[in-house]
N, C-alpha and C. Protein backbone atom coordinates (compact mmCIF):
# COMPACT_ATOMS: atom_id res chain seq x y z
N THR A 1 213.64 -146.01 268.66
CA THR A 1 212.52 -146.68 269.27
C THR A 1 211.41 -146.01 269.24
N SER A 2 210.19 -146.21 269.64
CA SER A 2 208.97 -145.59 269.70
C SER A 2 209.02 -144.34 270.78
N ARG A 3 209.79 -144.70 271.83
CA ARG A 3 209.84 -143.63 272.92
C ARG A 3 210.59 -142.29 272.37
N LYS A 4 211.89 -142.85 271.49
CA LYS A 4 212.38 -141.51 270.94
C LYS A 4 211.73 -140.61 269.97
N MET A 5 211.03 -141.54 269.20
CA MET A 5 210.15 -141.11 268.06
C MET A 5 209.04 -140.13 268.79
N SER A 6 208.29 -140.49 270.12
CA SER A 6 207.37 -139.72 270.37
C SER A 6 207.79 -138.38 271.00
N SER A 7 209.24 -138.48 271.32
CA SER A 7 209.87 -137.29 271.99
C SER A 7 210.53 -136.34 271.09
N CYS A 8 210.48 -136.83 269.79
CA CYS A 8 211.26 -136.14 268.66
C CYS A 8 210.24 -135.08 267.98
N ALA A 9 210.86 -133.89 267.96
CA ALA A 9 210.04 -132.99 267.62
C ALA A 9 209.83 -133.08 265.98
N PHE A 10 210.86 -133.51 265.26
CA PHE A 10 210.54 -133.49 264.02
C PHE A 10 209.64 -134.90 263.44
N CYS A 11 209.77 -136.06 264.37
CA CYS A 11 208.75 -136.93 264.25
C CYS A 11 207.43 -136.65 264.31
N ARG A 12 207.28 -135.75 265.43
CA ARG A 12 205.62 -135.18 265.51
C ARG A 12 205.30 -134.37 264.28
N ILE A 13 206.18 -133.81 263.88
CA ILE A 13 205.76 -132.84 262.46
C ILE A 13 205.48 -133.80 261.35
N ALA A 14 206.34 -134.74 261.29
CA ALA A 14 206.23 -135.94 260.12
C ALA A 14 204.86 -136.63 260.39
N ALA A 15 204.52 -136.83 261.57
CA ALA A 15 203.01 -137.64 261.70
C ALA A 15 201.90 -136.66 261.51
N ALA A 16 202.19 -135.46 261.44
CA ALA A 16 201.00 -134.44 261.49
C ALA A 16 200.71 -134.21 260.00
N TYR A 17 201.45 -134.49 259.13
CA TYR A 17 201.25 -134.05 257.54
C TYR A 17 201.46 -135.25 256.73
N HIS A 18 200.40 -135.47 255.83
CA HIS A 18 200.32 -136.29 254.65
C HIS A 18 201.21 -135.84 253.76
N PRO A 19 201.82 -136.68 252.72
CA PRO A 19 202.25 -136.13 251.53
C PRO A 19 201.53 -135.45 250.81
N VAL A 20 201.87 -134.36 250.16
CA VAL A 20 201.10 -133.40 249.19
C VAL A 20 201.90 -133.01 247.93
N ALA A 21 201.25 -133.20 247.01
CA ALA A 21 201.77 -132.84 245.53
C ALA A 21 202.23 -131.24 245.56
N PRO A 22 203.24 -130.97 245.34
CA PRO A 22 203.77 -129.60 245.24
C PRO A 22 202.80 -128.81 244.38
N SER A 23 202.24 -129.36 243.08
CA SER A 23 201.49 -128.50 242.23
C SER A 23 200.04 -128.19 242.99
N THR A 24 199.69 -129.00 243.94
CA THR A 24 198.54 -128.78 244.58
C THR A 24 198.33 -127.39 245.09
N TYR A 25 199.42 -126.68 245.53
CA TYR A 25 199.49 -125.37 246.28
C TYR A 25 199.12 -124.33 245.22
N LEU A 26 199.80 -124.50 244.07
CA LEU A 26 199.58 -123.54 242.82
C LEU A 26 198.20 -123.48 242.31
N GLN A 27 197.73 -124.63 242.25
CA GLN A 27 196.49 -124.87 241.92
C GLN A 27 195.17 -124.11 242.65
N SER A 28 195.54 -124.15 243.86
CA SER A 28 194.89 -123.62 245.28
C SER A 28 194.88 -122.17 245.10
N THR A 29 195.85 -121.54 244.45
CA THR A 29 195.99 -120.10 244.83
C THR A 29 195.06 -119.34 243.72
N SER A 30 194.23 -120.09 243.04
CA SER A 30 193.37 -119.44 242.00
C SER A 30 191.96 -118.84 242.74
N ASN A 31 191.75 -119.49 243.79
CA ASN A 31 190.79 -119.23 244.60
C ASN A 31 191.04 -119.19 246.21
N ALA A 32 191.42 -117.85 246.58
CA ALA A 32 191.76 -117.80 247.90
C ALA A 32 191.08 -118.06 248.95
N ASN A 33 189.71 -118.06 248.62
CA ASN A 33 188.85 -118.42 249.77
C ASN A 33 188.49 -119.89 249.88
N SER A 34 188.93 -120.70 248.94
CA SER A 34 188.64 -122.12 248.99
C SER A 34 189.30 -122.79 250.24
N ASN A 35 188.99 -124.23 250.29
CA ASN A 35 189.36 -124.86 251.55
C ASN A 35 190.59 -125.40 250.92
N SER A 36 191.94 -124.78 250.83
CA SER A 36 193.12 -124.97 250.31
C SER A 36 193.79 -125.60 251.09
N PRO A 37 194.77 -126.41 250.66
CA PRO A 37 195.78 -127.20 251.50
C PRO A 37 196.92 -126.32 251.92
N SER A 38 196.82 -125.24 251.48
CA SER A 38 198.05 -124.10 251.74
C SER A 38 197.97 -123.69 253.20
N ALA A 39 196.73 -124.03 253.86
CA ALA A 39 196.61 -123.56 255.40
C ALA A 39 197.11 -124.66 256.27
N PRO A 40 198.45 -124.40 256.80
CA PRO A 40 198.90 -125.42 257.68
C PRO A 40 197.88 -125.82 258.90
N LYS A 41 197.82 -127.35 259.02
CA LYS A 41 197.18 -127.97 259.90
C LYS A 41 198.14 -128.98 260.38
N PRO A 42 198.03 -129.16 262.04
CA PRO A 42 197.52 -128.11 263.07
C PRO A 42 198.17 -126.94 262.97
N GLY A 43 197.42 -126.04 263.79
CA GLY A 43 197.86 -124.68 263.80
C GLY A 43 198.98 -124.24 264.77
N PRO A 44 199.63 -123.01 264.82
CA PRO A 44 200.43 -122.74 265.55
C PRO A 44 200.30 -122.92 267.03
N GLY A 45 201.25 -123.63 267.75
CA GLY A 45 201.14 -123.94 269.04
C GLY A 45 200.67 -125.19 269.43
N GLU A 46 200.12 -125.81 268.27
CA GLU A 46 199.76 -127.30 268.59
C GLU A 46 200.77 -128.37 268.14
N ASP A 47 200.61 -129.45 268.64
CA ASP A 47 201.48 -130.60 268.64
C ASP A 47 201.93 -130.74 267.13
N GLY A 48 203.04 -130.76 266.66
CA GLY A 48 203.31 -131.31 265.24
C GLY A 48 203.38 -130.15 264.29
N HIS A 49 202.90 -128.54 264.81
CA HIS A 49 202.82 -127.61 263.79
C HIS A 49 204.18 -127.26 263.30
N ALA A 50 204.26 -127.00 261.99
CA ALA A 50 205.57 -126.38 261.15
C ALA A 50 205.01 -125.53 260.27
N PHE A 51 205.87 -124.83 259.88
CA PHE A 51 205.69 -124.03 258.46
C PHE A 51 206.47 -124.74 257.42
N LEU A 52 205.42 -125.61 257.01
CA LEU A 52 205.92 -126.75 255.71
C LEU A 52 205.86 -126.22 254.54
N ILE A 53 206.95 -126.49 253.91
CA ILE A 53 206.94 -126.05 252.54
C ILE A 53 206.93 -127.40 251.53
N LEU A 54 207.32 -128.51 252.02
CA LEU A 54 207.32 -129.66 251.02
C LEU A 54 207.21 -130.98 252.00
N SER A 55 206.07 -131.73 251.67
CA SER A 55 205.93 -133.07 252.26
C SER A 55 205.57 -134.16 251.27
N THR A 56 206.77 -135.02 251.24
CA THR A 56 206.68 -136.17 250.02
C THR A 56 206.64 -137.32 251.19
N LYS A 57 206.64 -138.64 250.29
CA LYS A 57 206.53 -140.06 251.10
C LYS A 57 207.71 -140.08 252.01
N HIS A 58 208.98 -139.70 251.91
CA HIS A 58 210.06 -139.96 252.47
C HIS A 58 210.77 -138.48 253.03
N VAL A 59 210.50 -137.31 252.60
CA VAL A 59 210.92 -136.16 252.95
C VAL A 59 210.12 -134.94 253.25
N LEU A 60 210.56 -134.21 254.34
CA LEU A 60 209.75 -132.90 254.66
C LEU A 60 210.76 -131.84 254.77
N ALA A 61 210.32 -130.59 254.46
CA ALA A 61 210.91 -129.28 254.30
C ALA A 61 210.22 -128.34 255.13
N PHE A 62 210.66 -127.67 256.02
CA PHE A 62 210.09 -126.65 256.66
C PHE A 62 211.12 -125.44 257.45
N LEU A 63 210.21 -124.15 257.69
CA LEU A 63 211.13 -123.22 258.05
C LEU A 63 211.77 -123.64 259.41
N ASP A 64 213.21 -123.12 259.69
CA ASP A 64 213.45 -123.25 260.91
C ASP A 64 213.11 -122.20 261.86
N ILE A 65 212.77 -122.66 263.04
CA ILE A 65 212.06 -121.62 263.98
C ILE A 65 212.84 -120.67 264.56
N MET A 66 214.43 -120.83 264.44
CA MET A 66 215.26 -119.67 264.86
C MET A 66 216.32 -119.65 263.70
N PRO A 67 215.86 -118.80 262.76
CA PRO A 67 216.58 -118.77 261.30
C PRO A 67 217.81 -118.03 261.52
N LEU A 68 218.86 -118.53 260.87
CA LEU A 68 220.16 -117.62 260.86
C LEU A 68 219.93 -116.64 259.84
N THR A 69 219.19 -116.74 258.79
CA THR A 69 218.76 -115.74 257.89
C THR A 69 217.37 -116.11 257.23
N ARG A 70 216.72 -114.98 256.86
CA ARG A 70 215.56 -115.28 256.16
C ARG A 70 215.56 -116.37 255.14
N GLY A 71 214.64 -117.30 255.15
CA GLY A 71 214.67 -118.51 254.24
C GLY A 71 215.27 -119.67 254.87
N HIS A 72 215.68 -119.81 255.76
CA HIS A 72 216.58 -120.78 256.50
C HIS A 72 215.70 -121.97 256.48
N VAL A 73 215.96 -123.00 255.95
CA VAL A 73 214.89 -124.09 255.75
C VAL A 73 215.59 -125.37 256.25
N LEU A 74 215.01 -126.33 256.98
CA LEU A 74 215.31 -127.58 257.46
C LEU A 74 214.74 -128.52 256.57
N VAL A 75 215.56 -129.66 256.08
CA VAL A 75 215.10 -130.69 255.16
C VAL A 75 215.31 -132.12 255.90
N VAL A 76 214.30 -132.97 256.14
CA VAL A 76 214.51 -134.07 257.14
C VAL A 76 213.83 -135.21 256.31
N PRO A 77 214.52 -136.49 256.83
CA PRO A 77 213.59 -137.65 256.33
C PRO A 77 212.30 -137.90 257.18
N ARG A 78 211.15 -138.24 256.73
CA ARG A 78 210.07 -138.53 257.35
C ARG A 78 210.45 -139.53 258.55
N ASN A 79 211.06 -140.70 258.37
CA ASN A 79 211.06 -141.47 259.30
C ASN A 79 212.48 -141.20 260.27
N HIS A 80 212.34 -141.64 261.58
CA HIS A 80 213.49 -141.12 262.47
C HIS A 80 214.74 -141.99 262.28
N HIS A 81 215.76 -141.30 261.96
CA HIS A 81 217.21 -141.63 261.91
C HIS A 81 218.13 -140.51 262.63
N GLU A 82 218.73 -140.98 263.41
CA GLU A 82 219.27 -139.94 264.41
C GLU A 82 220.59 -139.46 263.57
N LYS A 83 221.30 -140.17 262.80
CA LYS A 83 222.43 -139.71 262.16
C LYS A 83 222.46 -140.23 260.52
N LEU A 84 223.14 -139.68 260.10
CA LEU A 84 223.09 -139.84 258.48
C LEU A 84 223.50 -141.32 258.14
N ALA A 85 224.39 -141.84 258.68
CA ALA A 85 224.75 -143.14 258.50
C ALA A 85 223.75 -144.19 258.73
N GLU A 86 222.66 -143.90 259.22
CA GLU A 86 221.61 -144.60 259.61
C GLU A 86 220.67 -144.68 258.37
N VAL A 87 220.57 -143.75 257.49
CA VAL A 87 219.57 -143.49 256.41
C VAL A 87 219.85 -144.62 255.25
N GLY A 88 218.81 -145.09 254.83
CA GLY A 88 219.08 -146.03 253.63
C GLY A 88 219.05 -145.55 252.36
N VAL A 89 219.41 -146.35 251.31
CA VAL A 89 219.55 -145.66 250.23
C VAL A 89 218.56 -145.13 249.49
N ARG A 90 217.27 -145.65 249.49
CA ARG A 90 215.93 -145.00 248.83
C ARG A 90 215.86 -143.64 249.43
N VAL A 91 215.77 -143.62 250.67
CA VAL A 91 215.64 -142.25 251.30
C VAL A 91 216.71 -141.31 251.11
N SER A 92 218.05 -141.81 251.03
CA SER A 92 219.15 -140.93 250.64
C SER A 92 218.91 -140.44 249.30
N ARG A 93 218.45 -141.09 248.34
CA ARG A 93 218.22 -140.53 246.85
C ARG A 93 217.40 -139.69 247.00
N GLU A 94 216.20 -139.73 247.61
CA GLU A 94 215.26 -138.69 247.61
C GLU A 94 215.58 -137.48 248.35
N LEU A 95 216.45 -137.62 249.38
CA LEU A 95 216.97 -136.35 249.84
C LEU A 95 218.01 -135.56 248.77
N GLY A 96 218.67 -136.56 248.22
CA GLY A 96 219.48 -135.96 247.25
C GLY A 96 218.83 -135.22 246.06
N THR A 97 217.66 -135.86 245.71
CA THR A 97 216.83 -135.03 244.63
C THR A 97 216.29 -133.78 245.05
N TRP A 98 215.82 -133.65 246.22
CA TRP A 98 215.32 -132.49 246.73
C TRP A 98 216.17 -131.44 247.11
N LEU A 99 217.29 -131.57 247.73
CA LEU A 99 218.04 -130.52 248.15
C LEU A 99 218.55 -129.48 247.24
N PRO A 100 218.75 -129.92 245.86
CA PRO A 100 219.01 -128.96 244.75
C PRO A 100 217.99 -128.18 244.55
N ILE A 101 216.74 -128.66 244.50
CA ILE A 101 215.38 -128.06 244.08
C ILE A 101 215.23 -127.15 244.98
N LEU A 102 215.13 -127.54 246.29
CA LEU A 102 214.73 -126.68 247.20
C LEU A 102 215.94 -125.50 247.55
N SER A 103 217.23 -125.92 247.15
CA SER A 103 218.06 -124.78 247.06
C SER A 103 217.66 -123.55 246.04
N ARG A 104 217.44 -124.10 244.79
CA ARG A 104 217.07 -123.07 243.94
C ARG A 104 215.72 -122.32 244.36
N ALA A 105 214.60 -123.10 244.80
CA ALA A 105 213.48 -122.24 245.21
C ALA A 105 213.62 -121.46 246.42
N VAL A 106 214.43 -121.67 247.35
CA VAL A 106 214.64 -120.76 248.50
C VAL A 106 215.62 -119.42 247.84
N MET A 107 216.44 -119.77 247.06
CA MET A 107 217.41 -118.57 246.52
C MET A 107 216.63 -117.60 245.93
N ARG A 108 215.73 -118.23 244.92
CA ARG A 108 214.84 -117.39 244.05
C ARG A 108 213.94 -116.70 244.64
N THR A 109 213.36 -117.03 245.73
CA THR A 109 212.13 -116.79 246.56
C THR A 109 212.66 -115.46 247.53
N VAL A 110 213.82 -115.93 248.15
CA VAL A 110 214.53 -114.83 249.12
C VAL A 110 215.23 -113.58 248.49
N PHE A 111 215.60 -113.78 247.27
CA PHE A 111 216.56 -112.82 246.67
C PHE A 111 215.78 -112.24 245.51
N GLY A 112 214.63 -112.83 245.20
CA GLY A 112 213.64 -112.45 244.06
C GLY A 112 214.17 -112.34 242.76
N GLU A 113 215.07 -113.70 242.51
CA GLU A 113 215.63 -114.00 241.33
C GLU A 113 214.43 -114.53 240.30
N SER A 114 214.83 -114.49 239.08
CA SER A 114 213.56 -114.88 238.04
C SER A 114 213.81 -116.41 237.97
N THR A 115 212.83 -116.94 237.35
CA THR A 115 212.87 -118.25 237.11
C THR A 115 214.03 -118.87 236.37
N ASP A 116 214.31 -118.13 235.09
CA ASP A 116 215.23 -118.61 234.44
C ASP A 116 216.80 -118.08 234.93
N SER A 117 216.96 -117.65 236.04
CA SER A 117 218.29 -117.11 236.47
C SER A 117 219.19 -118.50 236.76
N ASP A 118 220.47 -118.10 236.71
CA ASP A 118 221.56 -119.30 236.62
C ASP A 118 222.16 -119.49 237.74
N PRO A 119 221.69 -120.46 238.67
CA PRO A 119 222.25 -120.97 239.94
C PRO A 119 223.76 -120.83 240.06
N SER A 120 224.43 -120.95 238.92
CA SER A 120 225.84 -121.03 238.99
C SER A 120 226.63 -119.56 239.11
N ASP A 121 225.47 -118.47 239.03
CA ASP A 121 225.77 -116.84 239.26
C ASP A 121 226.56 -116.85 240.57
N PRO A 122 227.71 -116.15 240.51
CA PRO A 122 228.46 -116.06 241.72
C PRO A 122 227.58 -115.18 242.97
N SER A 123 226.71 -114.73 242.28
CA SER A 123 225.95 -113.90 243.49
C SER A 123 224.99 -114.78 244.31
N TRP A 124 224.73 -115.97 243.88
CA TRP A 124 224.28 -117.19 244.70
C TRP A 124 225.02 -117.65 245.71
N ASN A 125 224.70 -117.37 246.74
CA ASN A 125 225.59 -118.01 248.01
C ASN A 125 224.54 -118.48 249.00
N TRP A 126 224.81 -119.80 249.46
CA TRP A 126 223.94 -120.51 250.62
C TRP A 126 224.96 -121.53 251.16
N ASN A 127 224.32 -122.01 252.45
CA ASN A 127 224.83 -123.19 253.09
C ASN A 127 224.00 -124.23 253.10
N VAL A 128 224.53 -125.65 252.49
CA VAL A 128 223.83 -126.78 253.00
C VAL A 128 224.56 -127.50 253.87
N VAL A 129 224.23 -127.71 255.18
CA VAL A 129 224.90 -128.19 256.21
C VAL A 129 224.10 -129.31 256.92
N GLN A 130 224.83 -130.37 257.36
CA GLN A 130 224.19 -131.37 257.97
C GLN A 130 225.07 -132.05 259.21
N ASN A 131 224.62 -132.15 260.43
CA ASN A 131 225.41 -132.33 261.67
C ASN A 131 225.18 -133.77 262.15
N ASN A 132 226.12 -134.49 262.59
CA ASN A 132 225.77 -135.71 263.20
C ASN A 132 226.46 -135.91 264.42
N GLY A 133 225.47 -135.95 265.73
CA GLY A 133 225.87 -135.99 266.87
C GLY A 133 226.24 -134.67 267.67
N ALA A 134 226.02 -134.76 268.95
CA ALA A 134 226.08 -133.46 269.75
C ALA A 134 227.53 -132.94 269.61
N GLY A 135 228.60 -133.83 269.53
CA GLY A 135 229.72 -133.28 269.49
C GLY A 135 230.09 -132.36 268.06
N ALA A 136 229.08 -132.68 266.99
CA ALA A 136 229.05 -131.79 265.83
C ALA A 136 228.13 -131.03 265.55
N ALA A 137 227.70 -130.43 266.95
CA ALA A 137 226.76 -129.34 267.15
C ALA A 137 225.34 -129.66 266.44
N GLN A 138 224.85 -131.00 266.47
CA GLN A 138 223.67 -131.47 266.30
C GLN A 138 222.78 -131.20 267.34
N VAL A 139 221.57 -130.50 267.16
CA VAL A 139 220.88 -130.29 268.28
C VAL A 139 219.51 -131.24 268.57
N VAL A 140 218.69 -131.28 267.22
CA VAL A 140 217.79 -132.27 267.37
C VAL A 140 218.18 -133.55 266.84
N PRO A 141 218.13 -134.64 267.64
CA PRO A 141 218.73 -136.08 267.34
C PRO A 141 217.86 -136.73 266.23
N HIS A 142 217.49 -136.05 265.26
CA HIS A 142 216.80 -136.54 263.85
C HIS A 142 217.64 -135.90 262.78
N VAL A 143 217.96 -137.00 261.74
CA VAL A 143 218.67 -136.18 260.49
C VAL A 143 218.13 -134.97 259.98
N HIS A 144 218.80 -133.92 259.81
CA HIS A 144 218.44 -132.80 259.16
C HIS A 144 219.56 -131.91 258.42
N PHE A 145 218.99 -131.29 257.24
CA PHE A 145 220.06 -130.73 256.40
C PHE A 145 219.58 -129.12 256.76
N HIS A 146 220.18 -128.15 256.93
CA HIS A 146 220.04 -126.74 256.94
C HIS A 146 220.30 -126.32 255.46
N ILE A 147 219.38 -125.50 255.11
CA ILE A 147 219.53 -124.74 253.81
C ILE A 147 219.54 -123.16 254.39
N VAL A 148 220.61 -122.51 254.00
CA VAL A 148 220.80 -120.90 254.68
C VAL A 148 221.22 -120.17 253.60
N PRO A 149 220.18 -119.49 253.09
CA PRO A 149 220.60 -118.48 251.96
C PRO A 149 221.58 -117.26 252.49
N ARG A 150 222.62 -116.96 251.69
CA ARG A 150 223.30 -115.71 252.31
C ARG A 150 223.38 -114.68 251.32
N PRO A 151 223.26 -113.66 251.77
CA PRO A 151 223.11 -112.17 250.78
C PRO A 151 224.63 -112.09 250.40
N PRO A 152 224.85 -111.24 249.42
CA PRO A 152 226.27 -111.15 248.80
C PRO A 152 226.69 -110.31 250.07
N LEU A 153 228.28 -110.67 250.06
CA LEU A 153 229.04 -110.15 251.06
C LEU A 153 229.11 -108.66 251.09
N GLY A 154 228.82 -108.04 250.13
CA GLY A 154 228.74 -106.47 249.91
C GLY A 154 227.64 -106.11 250.84
N GLN A 155 226.59 -106.60 250.87
CA GLN A 155 225.40 -106.32 251.57
C GLN A 155 225.45 -106.30 252.87
N ALA A 156 226.64 -107.20 253.51
CA ALA A 156 226.77 -107.45 255.15
C ALA A 156 227.83 -106.35 255.56
N SER A 157 227.57 -105.88 256.80
CA SER A 157 228.71 -105.24 257.28
C SER A 157 229.89 -105.71 257.47
N THR A 158 230.91 -104.94 257.51
CA THR A 158 232.42 -105.50 257.74
C THR A 158 232.43 -106.53 259.12
N SER A 159 231.91 -106.01 259.98
CA SER A 159 232.03 -106.88 261.38
C SER A 159 231.11 -108.12 261.15
N ALA A 160 230.06 -108.28 260.39
CA ALA A 160 229.43 -109.35 260.13
C ALA A 160 229.81 -110.53 259.10
N LYS A 161 230.74 -109.96 258.33
CA LYS A 161 231.09 -110.76 256.84
C LYS A 161 231.53 -112.19 257.41
N MET A 162 232.43 -112.22 258.32
CA MET A 162 233.09 -113.47 258.94
C MET A 162 232.03 -114.42 259.64
N SER A 163 231.09 -113.81 260.36
CA SER A 163 230.12 -114.58 260.91
C SER A 163 229.27 -115.05 259.85
N PHE A 164 229.00 -114.68 258.78
CA PHE A 164 228.10 -114.75 257.68
C PHE A 164 229.07 -116.04 257.01
N ILE A 165 230.06 -115.88 256.72
CA ILE A 165 230.76 -116.97 256.14
C ILE A 165 230.79 -118.42 256.94
N MET A 166 230.82 -118.27 258.32
CA MET A 166 230.93 -119.27 259.05
C MET A 166 229.53 -119.77 259.57
N PHE A 167 229.12 -121.06 259.21
CA PHE A 167 228.10 -121.50 259.52
C PHE A 167 227.55 -121.64 261.06
N GLY A 168 226.41 -121.22 261.57
CA GLY A 168 226.20 -121.22 262.86
C GLY A 168 226.63 -119.93 263.62
N ARG A 169 227.48 -118.93 262.91
CA ARG A 169 227.76 -118.00 263.68
C ARG A 169 226.90 -116.70 263.31
N GLY A 170 226.56 -116.10 264.26
CA GLY A 170 225.47 -114.78 263.82
C GLY A 170 224.25 -114.85 264.74
N GLN A 171 223.60 -113.80 264.86
CA GLN A 171 222.22 -113.63 265.63
C GLN A 171 221.37 -114.51 265.14
N ARG A 172 220.64 -115.08 266.06
CA ARG A 172 219.43 -116.18 265.60
C ARG A 172 218.26 -115.50 266.14
N GLU A 173 217.07 -115.46 265.67
CA GLU A 173 216.09 -114.68 266.23
C GLU A 173 214.79 -115.62 266.02
N ASP A 174 213.81 -115.81 267.03
CA ASP A 174 212.58 -116.37 266.75
C ASP A 174 211.86 -116.09 265.33
N LEU A 175 211.35 -116.98 264.89
CA LEU A 175 210.52 -116.89 263.79
C LEU A 175 209.24 -116.12 263.79
N ASP A 176 209.02 -114.96 263.07
CA ASP A 176 207.83 -114.31 263.27
C ASP A 176 206.84 -115.00 262.42
N ASP A 177 205.55 -115.44 263.09
CA ASP A 177 204.59 -116.22 262.54
C ASP A 177 203.89 -115.60 261.27
N GLU A 178 203.61 -114.33 261.32
CA GLU A 178 203.08 -113.49 260.12
C GLU A 178 203.94 -113.63 258.89
N GLU A 179 204.97 -113.19 259.30
CA GLU A 179 206.11 -113.34 258.10
C GLU A 179 206.49 -114.78 257.59
N ALA A 180 206.31 -115.60 258.46
CA ALA A 180 206.64 -116.96 257.89
C ALA A 180 205.48 -117.45 257.27
N GLU A 181 204.32 -117.16 257.32
CA GLU A 181 203.11 -117.50 256.56
C GLU A 181 203.36 -116.96 255.15
N ASP A 182 203.68 -115.80 255.04
CA ASP A 182 203.93 -115.25 253.66
C ASP A 182 205.08 -115.84 252.98
N LEU A 183 206.17 -116.16 253.64
CA LEU A 183 207.19 -116.68 253.15
C LEU A 183 207.11 -118.14 252.76
N VAL A 184 206.20 -118.73 253.54
CA VAL A 184 206.02 -120.27 253.31
C VAL A 184 205.09 -120.40 251.98
N ARG A 185 204.10 -119.33 251.78
CA ARG A 185 203.45 -119.31 250.60
C ARG A 185 204.19 -119.09 249.32
N LEU A 186 205.04 -118.11 249.37
CA LEU A 186 205.97 -118.03 248.17
C LEU A 186 206.90 -119.07 247.90
N LEU A 187 207.39 -119.68 249.00
CA LEU A 187 208.16 -120.92 248.68
C LEU A 187 207.50 -122.13 248.08
N ARG A 188 206.36 -122.31 248.71
CA ARG A 188 205.48 -123.35 248.09
C ARG A 188 205.16 -123.19 246.43
N GLU A 189 204.98 -121.69 246.18
CA GLU A 189 204.71 -121.76 244.91
C GLU A 189 205.90 -121.87 244.00
N GLU A 190 207.20 -121.36 244.34
CA GLU A 190 208.37 -121.56 243.69
C GLU A 190 208.74 -122.98 243.65
N ILE A 191 208.41 -123.80 244.39
CA ILE A 191 208.85 -125.33 244.49
C ILE A 191 207.81 -125.72 243.40
N ALA A 192 206.73 -125.45 243.58
CA ALA A 192 205.88 -125.95 242.45
C ALA A 192 206.36 -125.71 241.04
N ARG A 193 206.69 -124.35 240.75
CA ARG A 193 207.22 -124.07 239.46
C ARG A 193 208.52 -124.84 239.12
N GLU A 194 209.36 -125.08 240.29
CA GLU A 194 210.63 -125.76 239.99
C GLU A 194 210.45 -127.16 239.69
N VAL A 195 209.49 -127.73 240.31
CA VAL A 195 208.96 -129.22 239.96
C VAL A 195 208.64 -129.38 238.60
N ALA A 196 207.99 -128.33 238.06
CA ALA A 196 207.39 -128.22 236.59
C ALA A 196 208.49 -128.13 235.68
N ARG A 197 209.46 -127.42 236.14
CA ARG A 197 210.78 -127.03 235.33
C ARG A 197 211.49 -128.68 234.95
N VAL A 198 211.67 -129.08 236.18
CA VAL A 198 212.39 -130.29 236.23
C VAL A 198 211.87 -131.14 235.36
N LYS A 199 210.22 -131.44 235.17
CA LYS A 199 209.66 -132.43 234.26
C LYS A 199 209.98 -131.94 232.77
N GLU A 200 209.83 -130.55 232.75
CA GLU A 200 209.74 -130.22 231.10
C GLU A 200 211.49 -130.29 230.86
N VAL A 201 212.39 -129.78 231.78
CA VAL A 201 213.69 -129.94 231.14
C VAL A 201 214.53 -131.26 231.23
N GLU A 202 214.05 -131.95 232.33
CA GLU A 202 214.94 -133.14 232.44
C GLU A 202 213.96 -134.39 232.44
N GLY A 203 212.67 -134.10 231.91
CA GLY A 203 211.81 -135.31 231.78
C GLY A 203 211.67 -135.99 232.94
N ILE A 204 211.85 -135.69 234.11
CA ILE A 204 211.56 -136.46 235.29
C ILE A 204 210.13 -135.95 236.17
N ASP A 205 209.25 -136.85 236.42
CA ASP A 205 208.01 -136.44 236.83
C ASP A 205 208.10 -136.63 238.52
N LEU A 206 208.40 -135.64 239.19
CA LEU A 206 208.54 -135.64 240.69
C LEU A 206 207.16 -135.98 241.50
N GLU A 207 206.20 -135.77 240.71
CA GLU A 207 204.78 -135.68 241.37
C GLU A 207 204.20 -137.23 241.16
N GLY A 208 204.83 -138.09 240.39
CA GLY A 208 204.32 -139.36 240.21
C GLY A 208 203.99 -140.26 241.66
N GLU A 209 204.77 -140.13 242.53
CA GLU A 209 204.71 -140.60 243.86
C GLU A 209 203.46 -140.42 244.56
N PHE A 210 202.96 -139.02 244.35
CA PHE A 210 201.85 -138.60 245.14
C PHE A 210 200.75 -139.08 244.63
N GLN A 211 200.48 -139.72 243.40
CA GLN A 211 199.36 -140.31 243.03
C GLN A 211 198.86 -141.40 243.74
N ASP A 212 199.91 -141.94 244.70
CA ASP A 212 199.52 -143.45 245.24
C ASP A 212 200.00 -143.16 246.93
N ALA A 213 200.01 -141.77 246.96
CA ALA A 213 200.17 -141.24 248.42
C ALA A 213 198.98 -140.92 248.92
N GLU A 214 197.66 -141.16 248.42
CA GLU A 214 196.50 -140.37 248.95
C GLU A 214 196.08 -141.01 250.08
N SER A 215 196.36 -142.32 250.31
CA SER A 215 196.16 -142.99 251.72
C SER A 215 197.14 -142.52 252.75
N GLY A 216 198.24 -141.55 252.38
CA GLY A 216 198.91 -141.06 253.19
C GLY A 216 199.87 -141.81 254.07
N VAL A 217 200.50 -141.48 255.03
CA VAL A 217 201.26 -142.04 256.01
C VAL A 217 200.73 -142.27 257.36
N ALA A 218 200.95 -143.60 257.70
CA ALA A 218 200.06 -143.78 259.21
C ALA A 218 200.36 -142.68 260.14
N GLY A 219 199.41 -142.18 260.65
CA GLY A 219 199.28 -141.19 261.69
C GLY A 219 199.14 -139.88 261.04
N GLY A 220 199.21 -139.47 259.85
CA GLY A 220 199.48 -138.27 259.11
C GLY A 220 198.13 -137.67 259.07
N LYS A 221 198.03 -136.56 259.55
CA LYS A 221 196.55 -135.84 259.30
C LYS A 221 196.49 -134.41 258.99
N GLY A 222 197.61 -133.89 258.99
CA GLY A 222 197.79 -132.25 258.40
C GLY A 222 197.96 -132.27 256.81
N ARG A 223 197.55 -131.05 256.49
CA ARG A 223 197.88 -130.77 255.18
C ARG A 223 198.75 -129.67 255.04
N LEU A 224 199.33 -129.54 253.79
CA LEU A 224 200.08 -128.12 253.71
C LEU A 224 199.33 -127.10 253.66
């Protein structure tokens, strides 16, 4: 309902940001002083602000404000659905398209992997988790997937290893705004490179939808 949507933090984020082609950010980096879509609007503390890394017609991705690890990302459908069973086929397909792409971008960014590194490498460890309902530990009643990069177990202390293996266990801290800005910039650049790689290797142009999205989504005002 509209009441649920108005009180939903993720719906406010969705309303604040138009779809933006991932390649737009890479193009903007050539002139750091330009009026670039890389600057999030609205600003920190304003309604609907998020450290956004992806904004499509149906899907958004942004940093978790209380990350389990550096690079903890949330992936959500733009429209309000409380549980996964409510999401239609079209949006489900797009969520499924972006989850592997975002996973690769997050892992390469957080751990400094090269663009041609193999995601099947055993050193790549991360969670993709989605909870449905309060009894399943869902906190925000809007469908969302967690992408949580995990450092190699050898890098974690012995006492922390089990907490790292189990999703949701371990210390969570508030996201630092300055660090988040730097991380978001790197993630957007890596997503843009990954989208280009998908087009070259798989022949799938993920940016086609953005050509018809200039009019945006109703109520969308922000930019990446």
